Amino acid sequence: NGIIALIFGIYIIYGITTKSIKPLSIALAIIGISSTQIFGTTLYFASYYTKCMKYVKNLDMMWWIHLVLMNSLWIIFPVIVSMYAYSMLKTGDYIS
């Protein structure tokens, strides 16, 4: 998963900075990588809930910061980037 994200990440960054790759291809790559990241994070939360939640005795502030806040960033950022890609799909061009 990490190797695929690295390869697509380089492809996306190269395409956006040089504008030498079609915007449609870049937008689809962004949506593909973002959707797999959101899917993986959802599976992480689900597996934590089904396997580990029963062993947690104290839901203190550090637990909320570590598990919920920090890991929710793995959903928030792909959603923001997907919105950028959707704008690219709507306009058919790079967004400045």
Protein backbone atom coordinates (compact mmCIF):
# COMPACT_ATOMS: atom_id res chain seq x y z
CA ASN A 1 0.00 0.00 0.00
CA GLY A 2 2.81 2.39 0.87
CA ILE A 3 4.73 1.69 -2.34
CA ILE A 4 1.63 2.26 -4.46
CA ALA A 5 0.91 5.53 -2.63
CA LEU A 6 4.53 6.63 -3.15
CA ILE A 7 4.42 5.91 -6.88
CA PHE A 8 1.06 7.61 -7.37
CA GLY A 9 2.14 10.48 -5.10
CA ILE A 10 5.18 11.19 -7.27
CA TYR A 11 2.99 10.94 -10.37
CA ILE A 12 0.43 13.37 -8.91
CA ILE A 13 3.00 15.88 -7.68
CA TYR A 14 4.86 15.77 -11.00
CA GLY A 15 1.61 16.22 -12.91
CA ILE A 16 0.42 19.16 -10.82
CA THR A 17 3.74 21.00 -10.77
CA THR A 18 4.60 20.58 -14.45
CA LYS A 19 1.03 20.40 -15.81
CA SER A 20 2.33 17.94 -18.40
CA ILE A 21 -0.18 15.21 -17.52
CA LYS A 22 -3.87 15.49 -18.37
CA PRO A 23 -5.95 16.87 -15.47
CA LEU A 24 -8.38 13.96 -15.81
CA SER A 25 -5.59 11.45 -15.16
CA ILE A 26 -4.34 13.40 -12.15
CA ALA A 27 -7.86 13.75 -10.71
CA LEU A 28 -8.55 10.04 -11.08
CA ALA A 29 -5.23 9.17 -9.43
CA ILE A 30 -6.02 11.50 -6.52
CA ILE A 31 -9.48 10.03 -6.07
CA GLY A 32 -8.12 6.49 -6.27
CA ILE A 33 -5.41 7.03 -3.66
CA SER A 34 -7.72 9.04 -1.40
CA SER A 35 -10.48 6.44 -1.49
CA THR A 36 -8.08 3.63 -0.60
CA GLN A 37 -6.73 5.71 2.30
CA ILE A 38 -10.24 6.38 3.62
CA PHE A 39 -11.11 2.70 3.24
CA GLY A 40 -7.95 1.64 5.12
CA THR A 41 -8.58 4.09 7.95
CA THR A 42 -12.16 2.91 8.26
CA LEU A 43 -10.93 -0.67 8.52
CA TYR A 44 -8.42 0.41 11.17
CA PHE A 45 -11.14 2.03 13.28
CA ALA A 46 -13.43 -0.98 12.82
CA SER A 47 -10.73 -3.49 13.75
CA TYR A 48 -9.74 -1.44 16.80
CA TYR A 49 -13.35 -1.29 17.91
CA THR A 50 -14.00 -5.02 17.42
CA LYS A 51 -10.67 -6.33 18.77
CA CYS A 52 -9.26 -3.83 21.27
CA MET A 53 -12.11 -1.73 22.64
CA LYS A 54 -13.14 -4.37 25.15
CA TYR A 55 -9.68 -4.19 26.78
CA VAL A 56 -9.68 -0.38 27.17
CA LYS A 57 -10.44 0.49 30.76
CA ASN A 58 -9.92 4.24 30.72
CA LEU A 59 -11.06 6.57 27.93
CA ASP A 60 -8.95 9.52 29.07
CA MET A 61 -7.97 12.56 27.05
CA MET A 62 -4.77 10.95 25.72
CA TRP A 63 -6.82 8.07 24.27
CA TRP A 64 -9.12 10.49 22.46
CA ILE A 65 -6.21 12.57 21.16
CA HIS A 66 -4.23 9.55 20.02
CA LEU A 67 -6.90 7.31 18.55
CA VAL A 68 -9.65 9.63 17.41
CA LEU A 69 -8.09 13.02 16.71
CA MET A 70 -4.77 11.95 15.19
CA ASN A 71 -6.23 9.10 13.16
CA SER A 72 -9.17 11.15 11.91
CA LEU A 73 -6.62 13.27 10.04
CA TRP A 74 -6.17 10.22 7.77
CA ILE A 75 -9.79 10.75 6.72
CA ILE A 76 -9.93 14.56 6.71
CA PHE A 77 -6.95 15.16 4.40
CA PRO A 78 -8.03 12.65 1.72
CA VAL A 79 -11.51 14.20 1.72
CA ILE A 80 -10.00 17.68 1.18
CA VAL A 81 -7.76 16.41 -1.63
CA SER A 82 -10.71 14.54 -3.19
CA MET A 83 -12.66 17.79 -3.25
CA TYR A 84 -9.74 19.34 -5.17
CA ALA A 85 -9.80 16.41 -7.61
CA TYR A 86 -13.57 16.74 -8.02
CA SER A 87 -13.10 20.42 -8.90
CA MET A 88 -10.55 19.35 -11.50
CA LEU A 89 -13.07 16.91 -12.96
CA LYS A 90 -15.78 19.57 -13.11
CA THR A 91 -13.64 22.21 -14.78
CA GLY A 92 -11.46 19.87 -16.82
CA ASP A 93 -8.38 21.89 -15.90
CA TYR A 94 -5.92 22.37 -13.06
CA ILE A 95 -7.14 24.45 -10.13
CA SER A 96 -4.84 27.32 -9.14
